[in-house]
C-alpha atoms as a PDB file:
ATOM      1  CA  MET A   1     -29.677 117.498-104.940  1.00  0.00           C
ATOM      2  CA  LYS A   2     -32.528 114.407-104.016  1.00  0.00           C
ATOM      3  CA  VAL A   3     -33.635 111.968-107.214  1.00  0.00           C
ATOM      4  CA  THR A   4     -34.684 109.091-107.413  1.00  0.00           C
ATOM      5  CA  ARG A   5     -33.503 105.912-108.264  1.00  0.00           C
ATOM      6  CA  LYS A   6     -34.313 105.795-112.318  1.00  0.00           C
ATOM      7  CA  GLN A   7     -32.527 110.090-112.492  1.00  0.00           C
ATOM      8  CA  GLU A   8     -29.748 108.093-110.273  1.00  0.00           C
ATOM      9  CA  LYS A   9     -28.557 106.047-113.370  1.00  0.00           C
ATOM     10  CA  ILE A  10     -29.814 108.848-115.933  1.00  0.00           C
ATOM     11  CA  VAL A  11     -27.620 111.467-114.159  1.00  0.00           C
ATOM     12  CA  LYS A  12     -24.261 108.390-113.355  1.00  0.00           C
ATOM     13  CA  ARG A  13     -24.660 107.637-116.860  1.00  0.00           C
ATOM     14  CA  THR A  14     -24.182 111.519-118.282  1.00  0.00           C
ATOM     15  CA  LEU A  15     -21.334 112.081-116.302  1.00  0.00           C
ATOM     16  CA  GLU A  16     -19.781 109.438-117.088  1.00  0.00           C
ATOM     17  CA  GLY A  17     -20.279 110.039-120.813  1.00  0.00           C
ATOM     18  CA  TRP A  18     -19.145 113.604-120.013  1.00  0.00           C
ATOM     19  CA  ARG A  19     -15.948 112.042-118.653  1.00  0.00           C
ATOM     20  CA  LYS A  20     -14.877 110.010-121.054  1.00  0.00           C
ATOM     21  CA  GLU A  21     -15.276 112.709-123.615  1.00  0.00           C
ATOM     22  CA  GLY A  22     -13.838 114.653-121.825  1.00  0.00           C
ATOM     23  CA  VAL A  23     -15.887 117.739-120.671  1.00  0.00           C
ATOM     24  CA  ILE A  24     -15.445 116.995-116.521  1.00  0.00           C
ATOM     25  CA  ASP A  25     -12.024 115.295-115.245  1.00  0.00           C
ATOM     26  CA  ALA A  26     -12.315 111.853-112.637  1.00  0.00           C
ATOM     27  CA  PRO A  27     -11.871 114.656-108.919  1.00  0.00           C
ATOM     28  CA  GLU A  28     -14.806 116.611-110.683  1.00  0.00           C
ATOM     29  CA  GLN A  29     -17.529 113.291-111.614  1.00  0.00           C
ATOM     30  CA  GLN A  30     -16.908 112.476-107.884  1.00  0.00           C
ATOM     31  CA  ARG A  31     -17.627 115.643-106.808  1.00  0.00           C
ATOM     32  CA  LEU A  32     -20.882 116.094-108.597  1.00  0.00           C
ATOM     33  CA  GLN A  33     -21.877 112.667-107.841  1.00  0.00           C
ATOM     34  CA  GLN A  34     -21.767 113.406-104.017  1.00  0.00           C
ATOM     35  CA  ASN A  35     -24.574 115.953-104.673  1.00  0.00           C
ATOM     36  CA  LEU A  36     -27.073 112.926-105.450  1.00  0.00           C
ATOM     37  CA  SER A  37     -29.417 112.140-102.814  1.00  0.00           C
ATOM     38  CA  VAL A  38     -31.574 109.392-104.032  1.00  0.00           C
ATOM     39  CA  GLN A  39     -35.133 108.752-102.253  1.00  0.00           C
ATOM     40  CA  MET A  40     -35.639 105.698-101.770  1.00  0.00           C
ATOM     41  CA  PHE A  41     -39.199 105.869-101.822  1.00  0.00           C
ATOM     42  CA  ASP A  42     -41.008 107.523-104.340  1.00  0.00           C
ATOM     43  CA  TRP A  43     -43.470 109.681-102.005  1.00  0.00           C
ATOM     44  CA  GLN A  44     -44.439 112.028-104.848  1.00  0.00           C
ATOM     45  CA  ARG A  45     -45.929 109.105-107.100  1.00  0.00           C
ATOM     46  CA  MET A  46     -46.951 107.635-103.792  1.00  0.00           C
ATOM     47  CA  SER A  47     -49.271 111.238-103.318  1.00  0.00           C
ATOM     48  CA  ARG A  48     -50.318 111.209-107.094  1.00  0.00           C
ATOM     49  CA  TYR A  49     -51.426 107.459-107.422  1.00  0.00           C
ATOM     50  CA  ALA A  50     -53.452 107.980-103.688  1.00  0.00           C
ATOM     51  CA  PHE A  51     -55.250 110.384-104.313  1.00  0.00           C
ATOM     52  CA  TRP A  52     -56.450 109.567-108.052  1.00  0.00           C
ATOM     53  CA  ILE A  53     -57.993 106.765-106.547  1.00  0.00           C
ATOM     54  CA  ALA A  54     -59.515 108.223-104.207  1.00  0.00           C
ATOM     55  CA  LEU A  55     -61.015 110.397-106.709  1.00  0.00           C
ATOM     56  CA  ALA A  56     -62.062 107.063-108.248  1.00  0.00           C
ATOM     57  CA  CYS A  57     -63.742 105.880-105.330  1.00  0.00           C
ATOM     58  CA  PHE A  58     -66.025 109.297-105.123  1.00  0.00           C
ATOM     59  CA  ILE A  59     -66.597 109.397-108.568  1.00  0.00           C
ATOM     60  CA  ILE A  60     -67.794 105.316-108.009  1.00  0.00           C
ATOM     61  CA  ALA A  61     -69.507 107.039-104.607  1.00  0.00           C
ATOM     62  CA  MET A  62     -71.560 109.360-106.535  1.00  0.00           C
ATOM     63  CA  GLY A  63     -72.717 107.263-109.710  1.00  0.00           C
ATOM     64  CA  SER A  64     -73.747 104.814-107.144  1.00  0.00           C
ATOM     65  CA  LEU A  65     -75.934 107.817-105.501  1.00  0.00           C
ATOM     66  CA  VAL A  66     -77.175 109.220-108.354  1.00  0.00           C
ATOM     67  CA  ALA A  67     -78.279 105.057-109.472  1.00  0.00           C
ATOM     68  CA  ASP A  68     -80.012 105.018-105.954  1.00  0.00           C
ATOM     69  CA  GLU A  69     -82.684 106.690-106.564  1.00  0.00           C
ATOM     70  CA  TYR A  70     -84.795 106.394-102.862  1.00  0.00           C
ATOM     71  CA  LEU A  71     -81.344 108.213-101.511  1.00  0.00           C
ATOM     72  CA  MET A  72     -81.607 110.819-104.637  1.00  0.00           C
ATOM     73  CA  ALA A  73     -85.502 111.361-103.395  1.00  0.00           C
ATOM     74  CA  LEU A  74     -84.304 111.751 -99.881  1.00  0.00           C
ATOM     75  CA  LEU A  75     -81.311 113.922-100.481  1.00  0.00           C
ATOM     76  CA  PHE A  76     -82.481 115.966-103.477  1.00  0.00           C
ATOM     77  CA  ASN A  77     -86.409 116.576-102.790  1.00  0.00           C
ATOM     78  CA  PHE A  78     -86.633 119.519-104.858  1.00  0.00           C
ATOM     79  CA  SER A  79     -87.081 120.505-108.891  1.00  0.00           C
ATOM     80  CA  TYR A  80     -84.364 119.420-111.693  1.00  0.00           C
ATOM     81  CA  LEU A  81     -83.545 123.511-112.035  1.00  0.00           C
ATOM     82  CA  THR A  82     -83.341 123.678-107.902  1.00  0.00           C
ATOM     83  CA  ARG A  83     -80.517 120.401-107.699  1.00  0.00           C
ATOM     84  CA  ALA A  84     -78.998 121.943-111.089  1.00  0.00           C
ATOM     85  CA  VAL A  85     -78.011 125.407-108.865  1.00  0.00           C
ATOM     86  CA  ILE A  86     -77.561 123.112-105.971  1.00  0.00           C
ATOM     87  CA  LEU A  87     -74.456 121.915-107.504  1.00  0.00           C
ATOM     88  CA  LEU A  88     -73.622 124.084-109.498  1.00  0.00           C
ATOM     89  CA  LEU A  89     -73.117 126.022-106.255  1.00  0.00           C
ATOM     90  CA  ILE A  90     -71.066 123.194-104.374  1.00  0.00           C
ATOM     91  CA  ALA A  91     -69.072 123.160-108.058  1.00  0.00           C
ATOM     92  CA  ILE A  92     -68.503 127.092-107.866  1.00  0.00           C
ATOM     93  CA  ALA A  93     -67.467 125.875-103.799  1.00  0.00           C
ATOM     94  CA  PHE A  94     -64.520 123.515-104.533  1.00  0.00           C
ATOM     95  CA  TYR A  95     -63.545 126.023-107.230  1.00  0.00           C
ATOM     96  CA  CYS A  96     -62.983 128.647-105.045  1.00  0.00           C
ATOM     97  CA  TRP A  97     -61.911 126.398-103.014  1.00  0.00           C
ATOM     98  CA  GLY A  98     -59.358 125.334-105.104  1.00  0.00           C
ATOM     99  CA  PHE A  99     -58.076 128.337-106.560  1.00  0.00           C
ATOM    100  CA  TYR A 100     -57.219 129.383-102.974  1.00  0.00           C
ATOM    101  CA  ARG A 101     -55.247 126.823-101.721  1.00  0.00           C
ATOM    102  CA  GLN A 102     -53.305 126.998-105.260  1.00  0.00           C
ATOM    103  CA  ARG A 103     -52.271 130.745-104.224  1.00  0.00           C
ATOM    104  CA  LYS A 104     -51.702 129.724-100.536  1.00  0.00           C
ATOM    105  CA  THR A 105     -49.678 126.571-100.850  1.00  0.00           C
ATOM    106  CA  PRO A 106     -48.577 125.816-104.760  1.00  0.00           C
ATOM    107  CA  ASP A 107     -46.659 122.954-103.214  1.00  0.00           C
ATOM    108  CA  LYS A 108     -49.490 121.315-102.774  1.00  0.00           C
ATOM    109  CA  ARG A 109     -50.184 120.863-106.661  1.00  0.00           C
ATOM    110  CA  TYR A 110     -52.043 116.760-106.079  1.00  0.00           C
ATOM    111  CA  SER A 111     -54.276 117.876-103.386  1.00  0.00           C
ATOM    112  CA  ASN A 112     -55.125 120.611-105.084  1.00  0.00           C
ATOM    113  CA  GLU A 113     -56.207 119.171-108.501  1.00  0.00           C
ATOM    114  CA  ALA A 114     -58.171 116.872-106.593  1.00  0.00           C
ATOM    115  CA  ILE A 115     -60.265 119.837-105.150  1.00  0.00           C
ATOM    116  CA  LEU A 116     -60.376 121.333-108.689  1.00  0.00           C
ATOM    117  CA  PHE A 117     -61.908 118.010-109.888  1.00  0.00           C
ATOM    118  CA  LEU A 118     -64.517 117.720-107.133  1.00  0.00           C
ATOM    119  CA  GLY A 119     -65.391 121.040-109.076  1.00  0.00           C
ATOM    120  CA  VAL A 120     -64.777 119.210-112.363  1.00  0.00           C
ATOM    121  CA  LEU A 121     -67.027 116.278-110.822  1.00  0.00           C
ATOM    122  CA  PHE A 122     -69.792 118.579-109.522  1.00  0.00           C
ATOM    123  CA  THR A 123     -70.180 120.755-112.706  1.00  0.00           C
ATOM    124  CA  ALA A 124     -70.902 117.182-114.437  1.00  0.00           C
ATOM    125  CA  LEU A 125     -74.125 116.308-112.686  1.00  0.00           C
ATOM    126  CA  PHE A 126     -75.188 120.277-112.278  1.00  0.00           C
ATOM    127  CA  LEU A 127     -75.438 119.855-116.645  1.00  0.00           C
ATOM    128  CA  TRP A 128     -77.440 116.451-116.201  1.00  0.00           C
ATOM    129  CA  GLN A 129     -80.113 118.421-113.959  1.00  0.00           C
ATOM    130  CA  LEU A 130     -79.742 121.481-116.604  1.00  0.00           C
ATOM    131  CA  GLY A 131     -80.241 119.833-119.664  1.00  0.00           C
ATOM    132  CA  MET A 132     -83.519 117.084-117.084  1.00  0.00           C
ATOM    133  CA  ALA A 133     -84.945 120.843-116.716  1.00  0.00           C
ATOM    134  CA  LEU A 134     -84.881 122.462-119.601  1.00  0.00           C
ATOM    135  CA  ASP A 135     -85.201 119.023-122.012  1.00  0.00           C
ATOM    136  CA  THR A 136     -87.934 119.565-124.837  1.00  0.00           C
ATOM    137  CA  GLY A 137     -88.176 116.375-126.079  1.00  0.00           C
ATOM    138  CA  SER A 138     -85.387 117.716-129.318  1.00  0.00           C
ATOM    139  CA  GLY A 139     -82.827 115.550-127.688  1.00  0.00           C
ATOM    140  CA  ASN A 140     -80.865 118.078-129.122  1.00  0.00           C
ATOM    141  CA  VAL A 141     -78.251 117.970-126.023  1.00  0.00           C
ATOM    142  CA  ALA A 142     -74.897 119.719-127.851  1.00  0.00           C
ATOM    143  CA  PRO A 143     -75.641 123.364-125.672  1.00  0.00           C
ATOM    144  CA  LEU A 144     -75.024 122.042-122.487  1.00  0.00           C
ATOM    145  CA  PHE A 145     -71.349 120.327-123.509  1.00  0.00           C
ATOM    146  CA  LEU A 146     -70.428 122.826-125.349  1.00  0.00           C
ATOM    147  CA  LEU A 147     -71.401 124.529-121.835  1.00  0.00           C
ATOM    148  CA  GLY A 148     -69.039 122.225-120.262  1.00  0.00           C
ATOM    149  CA  CYS A 149     -66.436 122.756-122.490  1.00  0.00           C
ATOM    150  CA  ALA A 150     -65.877 126.264-121.386  1.00  0.00           C
ATOM    151  CA  ILE A 151     -66.097 125.716-117.952  1.00  0.00           C
ATOM    152  CA  TYR A 152     -63.236 123.447-117.895  1.00  0.00           C
ATOM    153  CA  GLY A 153     -61.612 125.455-120.509  1.00  0.00           C
ATOM    154  CA  VAL A 154     -61.557 128.392-118.123  1.00  0.00           C
ATOM    155  CA  ILE A 155     -60.698 126.526-115.183  1.00  0.00           C
ATOM    156  CA  GLY A 156     -57.647 124.349-116.691  1.00  0.00           C
ATOM    157  CA  TYR A 157     -56.137 127.655-118.194  1.00  0.00           C
ATOM    158  CA  LEU A 158     -56.463 129.279-115.088  1.00  0.00           C
ATOM    159  CA  SER A 159     -55.052 126.905-112.898  1.00  0.00           C
ATOM    160  CA  ARG A 160     -52.584 125.206-115.434  1.00  0.00           C
ATOM    161  CA  SER A 161     -54.122 121.689-115.140  1.00  0.00           C
ATOM    162  CA  GLY A 162     -53.710 119.125-117.216  1.00  0.00           C
ATOM    163  CA  LEU A 163     -56.318 117.340-115.734  1.00  0.00           C
ATOM    164  CA  ILE A 164     -59.504 119.842-116.675  1.00  0.00           C
ATOM    165  CA  TRP A 165     -57.832 120.479-119.431  1.00  0.00           C
ATOM    166  CA  LEU A 166     -58.167 116.717-120.405  1.00  0.00           C
ATOM    167  CA  PHE A 167     -62.459 117.252-119.796  1.00  0.00           C
ATOM    168  CA  CYS A 168     -62.285 120.388-121.634  1.00  0.00           C
ATOM    169  CA  LEU A 169     -61.403 118.316-124.958  1.00  0.00           C
ATOM    170  CA  LEU A 170     -63.146 115.717-124.129  1.00  0.00           C
ATOM    171  CA  ALA A 171     -66.455 118.024-123.596  1.00  0.00           C
ATOM    172  CA  LEU A 172     -65.474 119.764-126.984  1.00  0.00           C
ATOM    173  CA  GLY A 173     -65.416 116.208-128.974  1.00  0.00           C
ATOM    174  CA  SER A 174     -68.755 115.329-127.598  1.00  0.00           C
ATOM    175  CA  TYR A 175     -70.311 118.899-128.569  1.00  0.00           C
ATOM    176  CA  PHE A 176     -69.197 117.953-131.915  1.00  0.00           C
ATOM    177  CA  GLY A 177     -70.405 114.447-132.301  1.00  0.00           C
ATOM    178  CA  THR A 178     -74.042 115.527-131.067  1.00  0.00           C
ATOM    179  CA  SER A 179     -74.322 119.084-133.165  1.00  0.00           C
ATOM    180  CA  THR A 180     -73.161 117.530-136.497  1.00  0.00           C
ATOM    181  CA  GLY A 181     -75.125 114.105-135.402  1.00  0.00           C
ATOM    182  CA  TYR A 182     -78.107 116.879-134.361  1.00  0.00           C
ATOM    183  CA  ALA A 183     -78.044 118.535-137.579  1.00  0.00           C
ATOM    184  CA  SER A 184     -77.915 115.741-139.649  1.00  0.00           C
ATOM    185  CA  GLY A 185     -81.225 114.002-137.504  1.00  0.00           C
ATOM    186  CA  TRP A 186     -79.417 111.692-136.349  1.00  0.00           C
ATOM    187  CA  GLY A 187     -78.755 109.936-139.462  1.00  0.00           C
ATOM    188  CA  ALA A 188     -74.748 108.352-140.795  1.00  0.00           C
ATOM    189  CA  TYR A 189     -74.186 110.919-142.602  1.00  0.00           C
ATOM    190  CA  TRP A 190     -73.428 115.238-141.773  1.00  0.00           C
ATOM    191  CA  LEU A 191     -72.539 116.907-145.040  1.00  0.00           C
ATOM    192  CA  GLY A 192     -71.747 113.085-146.956  1.00  0.00           C
ATOM    193  CA  MET A 193     -68.957 112.104-143.904  1.00  0.00           C
ATOM    194  CA  ASN A 194     -70.030 109.402-141.391  1.00  0.00           C
ATOM    195  CA  TYR A 195     -68.513 109.637-138.079  1.00  0.00           C
ATOM    196  CA  PRO A 196     -65.658 108.808-138.326  1.00  0.00           C
ATOM    197  CA  ILE A 197     -64.528 110.786-141.564  1.00  0.00           C
ATOM    198  CA  ARG A 198     -65.836 113.706-139.167  1.00  0.00           C
ATOM    199  CA  PHE A 199     -63.606 112.749-136.383  1.00  0.00           C
ATOM    200  CA  VAL A 200     -60.284 111.942-138.808  1.00  0.00           C
ATOM    201  CA  LEU A 201     -61.580 116.394-139.680  1.00  0.00           C
ATOM    202  CA  PHE A 202     -61.730 116.998-135.853  1.00  0.00           C
ATOM    203  CA  GLY A 203     -58.873 115.186-134.915  1.00  0.00           C
ATOM    204  CA  GLY A 204     -56.619 116.926-137.663  1.00  0.00           C
ATOM    205  CA  VAL A 205     -58.125 119.753-136.904  1.00  0.00           C
ATOM    206  CA  LEU A 206     -57.114 119.822-132.929  1.00  0.00           C
ATOM    207  CA  LEU A 207     -53.850 119.013-133.046  1.00  0.00           C
ATOM    208  CA  ALA A 208     -53.215 121.436-135.923  1.00  0.00           C
ATOM    209  CA  ALA A 209     -54.559 124.023-134.271  1.00  0.00           C
ATOM    210  CA  CYS A 210     -52.540 122.562-130.723  1.00  0.00           C
ATOM    211  CA  TYR A 211     -49.219 123.597-132.747  1.00  0.00           C
ATOM    212  CA  LEU A 212     -50.503 127.039-133.586  1.00  0.00           C
ATOM    213  CA  LEU A 213     -51.410 127.867-130.043  1.00  0.00           C
ATOM    214  CA  LYS A 214     -47.899 125.931-128.843  1.00  0.00           C
ATOM    215  CA  LYS A 215     -46.218 128.799-126.663  1.00  0.00           C
ATOM    216  CA  PRO A 216     -49.635 129.249-124.601  1.00  0.00           C
ATOM    217  CA  LEU A 217     -50.761 126.220-124.493  1.00  0.00           C
ATOM    218  CA  LEU A 218     -46.915 125.454-122.837  1.00  0.00           C
ATOM    219  CA  GLN A 219     -47.186 128.220-120.971  1.00  0.00           C
ATOM    220  CA  ARG A 220     -50.227 126.812-118.766  1.00  0.00           C
ATOM    221  CA  ASN A 221     -49.058 123.100-119.216  1.00  0.00           C
ATOM    222  CA  VAL A 222     -51.704 122.130-121.120  1.00  0.00           C
ATOM    223  CA  PHE A 223     -50.024 121.480-124.248  1.00  0.00           C
ATOM    224  CA  ALA A 224     -48.774 117.463-123.939  1.00  0.00           C
ATOM    225  CA  VAL A 225     -52.769 116.695-123.227  1.00  0.00           C
ATOM    226  CA  SER A 226     -53.501 118.585-126.322  1.00  0.00           C
ATOM    227  CA  LYS A 227     -51.331 117.296-128.498  1.00  0.00           C
ATOM    228  CA  ALA A 228     -52.236 114.086-126.656  1.00  0.00           C
ATOM    229  CA  MET A 229     -55.744 114.350-127.017  1.00  0.00           C
ATOM    230  CA  GLY A 230     -55.813 115.800-130.814  1.00  0.00           C
ATOM    231  CA  LEU A 231     -53.730 112.630-131.417  1.00  0.00           C
ATOM    232  CA  LEU A 232     -55.904 110.149-129.997  1.00  0.00           C
ATOM    233  CA  TYR A 233     -59.251 111.857-131.779  1.00  0.00           C
ATOM    234  CA  LEU A 234     -57.530 111.241-134.762  1.00  0.00           C
ATOM    235  CA  PHE A 235     -55.927 108.106-134.586  1.00  0.00           C
ATOM    236  CA  ILE A 236     -58.978 105.980-133.846  1.00  0.00           C
ATOM    237  CA  ALA A 237     -61.179 108.065-136.397  1.00  0.00           C
ATOM    238  CA  LEU A 238     -58.722 106.399-138.689  1.00  0.00           C
ATOM    239  CA  TRP A 239     -58.837 102.891-136.837  1.00  0.00           C
ATOM    240  CA  ILE A 240     -62.095 102.764-137.228  1.00  0.00           C
ATOM    241  CA  LEU A 241     -62.661 104.497-140.712  1.00  0.00           C
ATOM    242  CA  SER A 242     -60.093 101.953-141.687  1.00  0.00           C
ATOM    243  CA  ILE A 243     -62.802  99.165-141.241  1.00  0.00           C
ATOM    244  CA  PHE A 244     -66.084 100.357-141.799  1.00  0.00           C
ATOM    245  CA  GLY A 245     -65.555 103.067-144.261  1.00  0.00           C
ATOM    246  CA  ASN A 246     -67.762 105.610-145.210  1.00  0.00           C
ATOM    247  CA  TYR A 247     -70.992 103.549-144.681  1.00  0.00           C
ATOM    248  CA  ASP A 248     -73.933 102.656-142.573  1.00  0.00           C
ATOM    249  CA  LEU A 249     -73.575 100.001-141.374  1.00  0.00           C
ATOM    250  CA  ASP A 250     -76.393  98.116-143.162  1.00  0.00           C
ATOM    251  CA  ILE A 251     -74.129  98.888-146.731  1.00  0.00           C
ATOM    252  CA  TRP A 252     -70.957  98.181-144.876  1.00  0.00           C
ATOM    253  CA  GLN A 253     -72.176  93.876-144.499  1.00  0.00           C
ATOM    254  CA  SER A 254     -71.572  94.284-148.637  1.00  0.00           C
ATOM    255  CA  VAL A 255     -69.226  95.881-149.085  1.00  0.00           C
ATOM    256  CA  ARG A 256     -65.772  94.254-150.531  1.00  0.00           C
ATOM    257  CA  GLN A 257     -62.262  94.256-147.975  1.00  0.00           C
ATOM    258  CA  ILE A 258     -60.695  95.627-150.788  1.00  0.00           C
ATOM    259  CA  GLU A 259     -62.721  98.824-151.248  1.00  0.00           C
ATOM    260  CA  LEU A 260     -61.525 100.076-147.438  1.00  0.00           C
ATOM    261  CA  LEU A 261     -57.772  99.336-149.197  1.00  0.00           C
ATOM    262  CA  HIS A 262     -58.194 103.472-149.352  1.00  0.00           C
ATOM    263  CA  TRP A 263     -58.590 103.976-145.946  1.00  0.00           C
ATOM    264  CA  SER A 264     -56.088 101.722-143.891  1.00  0.00           C
ATOM    265  CA  LEU A 265     -53.025 102.954-146.714  1.00  0.00           C
ATOM    266  CA  LEU A 266     -54.343 106.434-144.888  1.00  0.00           C
ATOM    267  CA  PHE A 267     -54.001 104.824-141.813  1.00  0.00           C
ATOM    268  CA  ALA A 268     -50.756 103.124-142.138  1.00  0.00           C
ATOM    269  CA  LEU A 269     -49.668 106.337-143.629  1.00  0.00           C
ATOM    270  CA  ALA A 270     -51.081 108.418-140.922  1.00  0.00           C
ATOM    271  CA  ALA A 271     -48.947 106.121-138.270  1.00  0.00           C
ATOM    272  CA  GLY A 272     -45.638 105.994-140.388  1.00  0.00           C
ATOM    273  CA  ALA A 273     -45.986 109.849-140.673  1.00  0.00           C
ATOM    274  CA  CYS A 274     -45.969 110.482-136.897  1.00  0.00           C
ATOM    275  CA  ILE A 275     -43.297 107.663-136.930  1.00  0.00           C
ATOM    276  CA  TRP A 276     -40.843 109.449-139.296  1.00  0.00           C
ATOM    277  CA  ILE A 277     -41.397 112.932-137.594  1.00  0.00           C
ATOM    278  CA  SER A 278     -39.868 111.561-134.111  1.00  0.00           C
ATOM    279  CA  LEU A 279     -37.541 110.258-135.249  1.00  0.00           C
ATOM    280  CA  LYS A 280     -35.828 112.874-136.775  1.00  0.00           C
ATOM    281  CA  THR A 281     -37.515 115.536-133.581  1.00  0.00           C
ATOM    282  CA  ASP A 282     -37.275 112.974-131.027  1.00  0.00           C
ATOM    283  CA  ASP A 283     -41.046 112.955-129.985  1.00  0.00           C
ATOM    284  CA  GLY A 284     -41.635 110.343-127.581  1.00  0.00           C
ATOM    285  CA  MET A 285     -45.342 111.406-127.684  1.00  0.00           C
ATOM    286  CA  LEU A 286     -45.242 110.667-131.430  1.00  0.00           C
ATOM    287  CA  ARG A 287     -43.754 107.536-131.570  1.00  0.00           C
ATOM    288  CA  GLY A 288     -45.300 106.143-128.951  1.00  0.00           C
ATOM    289  CA  PHE A 289     -48.502 106.426-130.716  1.00  0.00           C
ATOM    290  CA  GLY A 290     -46.995 105.669-134.097  1.00  0.00           C
ATOM    291  CA  LEU A 291     -46.054 102.365-133.255  1.00  0.00           C
ATOM    292  CA  THR A 292     -49.171 101.577-131.480  1.00  0.00           C
ATOM    293  CA  PHE A 293     -51.552 102.228-134.223  1.00  0.00           C
ATOM    294  CA  LEU A 294     -49.215 101.162-136.788  1.00  0.00           C
ATOM    295  CA  GLY A 295     -48.958  97.674-134.436  1.00  0.00           C
ATOM    296  CA  ILE A 296     -53.352  97.494-134.237  1.00  0.00           C
ATOM    297  CA  ASN A 297     -53.385  98.313-138.071  1.00  0.00           C
ATOM    298  CA  LEU A 298     -51.554  95.367-139.275  1.00  0.00           C
ATOM    299  CA  TYR A 299     -53.374  93.545-136.941  1.00  0.00           C
ATOM    300  CA  THR A 300     -56.221  94.776-137.882  1.00  0.00           C
ATOM    301  CA  ARG A 301     -55.643  93.999-141.387  1.00  0.00           C
ATOM    302  CA  TYR A 302     -54.113  90.493-141.123  1.00  0.00           C
ATOM    303  CA  PHE A 303     -57.365  89.310-138.858  1.00  0.00           C
ATOM    304  CA  GLU A 304     -59.700  90.674-142.063  1.00  0.00           C
ATOM    305  CA  MET A 305     -58.009  89.455-144.488  1.00  0.00           C
ATOM    306  CA  PHE A 306     -55.699  86.798-143.497  1.00  0.00           C
ATOM    307  CA  TRP A 307     -56.633  85.013-140.406  1.00  0.00           C
ATOM    308  CA  ASP A 308     -58.921  82.318-141.943  1.00  0.00           C
ATOM    309  CA  ASP A 309     -56.891  81.431-145.001  1.00  0.00           C
ATOM    310  CA  THR A 310     -52.603  82.155-145.111  1.00  0.00           C
ATOM    311  CA  ASN A 311     -50.440  79.986-142.030  1.00  0.00           C
ATOM    312  CA  LYS A 312     -50.703  81.314-139.259  1.00  0.00           C
ATOM    313  CA  VAL A 313     -46.373  80.967-138.551  1.00  0.00           C
ATOM    314  CA  ILE A 314     -46.146  82.007-142.275  1.00  0.00           C
ATOM    315  CA  PHE A 315     -47.330  84.968-141.464  1.00  0.00           C
ATOM    316  CA  PHE A 316     -45.959  86.128-138.156  1.00  0.00           C
ATOM    317  CA  LEU A 317     -42.373  84.849-139.456  1.00  0.00           C
ATOM    318  CA  LEU A 318     -42.461  87.819-142.297  1.00  0.00           C
ATOM    319  CA  LEU A 319     -43.871  90.088-140.187  1.00  0.00           C
ATOM    320  CA  ALA A 320     -40.734  89.126-137.524  1.00  0.00           C
ATOM    321  CA  ILE A 321     -38.175  89.160-140.828  1.00  0.00           C
ATOM    322  CA  SER A 322     -40.156  92.561-142.031  1.00  0.00           C
ATOM    323  CA  LEU A 323     -39.925  94.297-138.779  1.00  0.00           C
ATOM    324  CA  ALA A 324     -35.994  92.855-138.282  1.00  0.00           C
ATOM    325  CA  LEU A 325     -34.923  94.159-141.581  1.00  0.00           C
ATOM    326  CA  VAL A 326     -36.369  97.860-140.706  1.00  0.00           C
ATOM    327  CA  GLY A 327     -34.301  97.261-136.816  1.00  0.00           C
ATOM    328  CA  ARG A 328     -31.752  96.741-139.454  1.00  0.00           C
ATOM    329  CA  TYR A 329     -30.968  99.268-140.936  1.00  0.00           C
ATOM    330  CA  ALA A 330     -31.915 101.843-137.947  1.00  0.00           C
ATOM    331  CA  GLU A 331     -29.204  99.580-136.476  1.00  0.00           C
ATOM    332  CA  LYS A 332     -26.717 100.560-139.220  1.00  0.00           C
ATOM    333  CA  ILE A 333     -27.783 104.627-139.318  1.00  0.00           C
ATOM    334  CA  TRP A 334     -27.272 104.716-135.127  1.00  0.00           C
ATOM    335  CA  ARG A 335     -24.378 103.318-135.711  1.00  0.00           C
ATOM    336  CA  LEU A 336     -22.978 106.038-138.520  1.00  0.00           C
ATOM    337  CA  GLY A 337     -24.263 108.468-135.880  1.00  0.00           C
ATOM    338  CA  GLU A 338     -22.041 107.676-133.394  1.00  0.00           C
ATOM    339  CA  LYS A 339     -18.374 107.343-135.565  1.00  0.00           C
END
């Protein structure tokens, strides 16, 4: 069995633990360890990183092309609608090529996904040119994001690609933001909610839908991406909400910090709930999001309320003591579990 050096350490530690607990004996442990073949260089990870860098360079190249008016006029000396059709045909060609390779060479995962991602890129360019062709001056770009969401959603779901599914969820969030912005006349409030509150609700609904549809999403390898995006939308919106509250920027400047305290508490409760659930379910993603945004919340509150008035040594010393007490309590529980 081929394993990386990190995987080898985990397997050996597991076998050693089984031997100590009497699950296997020493000869069986040695026999199992001899079947491990350590790869000194992780070529799979190298392949993934190389394709990521190649795609990033291609995106930069396309961005430079779009920004160069002379080259655009030279290569695409057509109307916006004609450009859109050409870009759509190129995107379809990449999608067909990617699906064909997935059927013929499913083991070439990273190159197949890179080809499909090129289809995503040309789809975005197609939507841009389509928007220019259909522009009436209304400023309503939400239908374009919805169309992009539908295209990326179908391609990502059929191809089992978490990367393309990620763009589907990004387009869905963009559609929600632009549609509610257009409905409110691009004002600060929509149904009495500013943008942060809207995206708190959006992230919560997306997270709930992710768990309700967990089985089909797992089958298509897009559950983890869906959960991560739901958490990201939720926590970033909560963070911004804890700073600005449900206020317009002009009003916010005259608001006292104490009036925003309940939003900070909501932010902390959400992070604490993630940490608590992760400890009960051993969910690394929830634990990472909870700890990260709890730390962001603490630092944000500190800079808001205590930076000018509190001695920095005292503040961080109190923070260190409180976290050490939490760690000591967690260590006691862990040792009880070991016994």
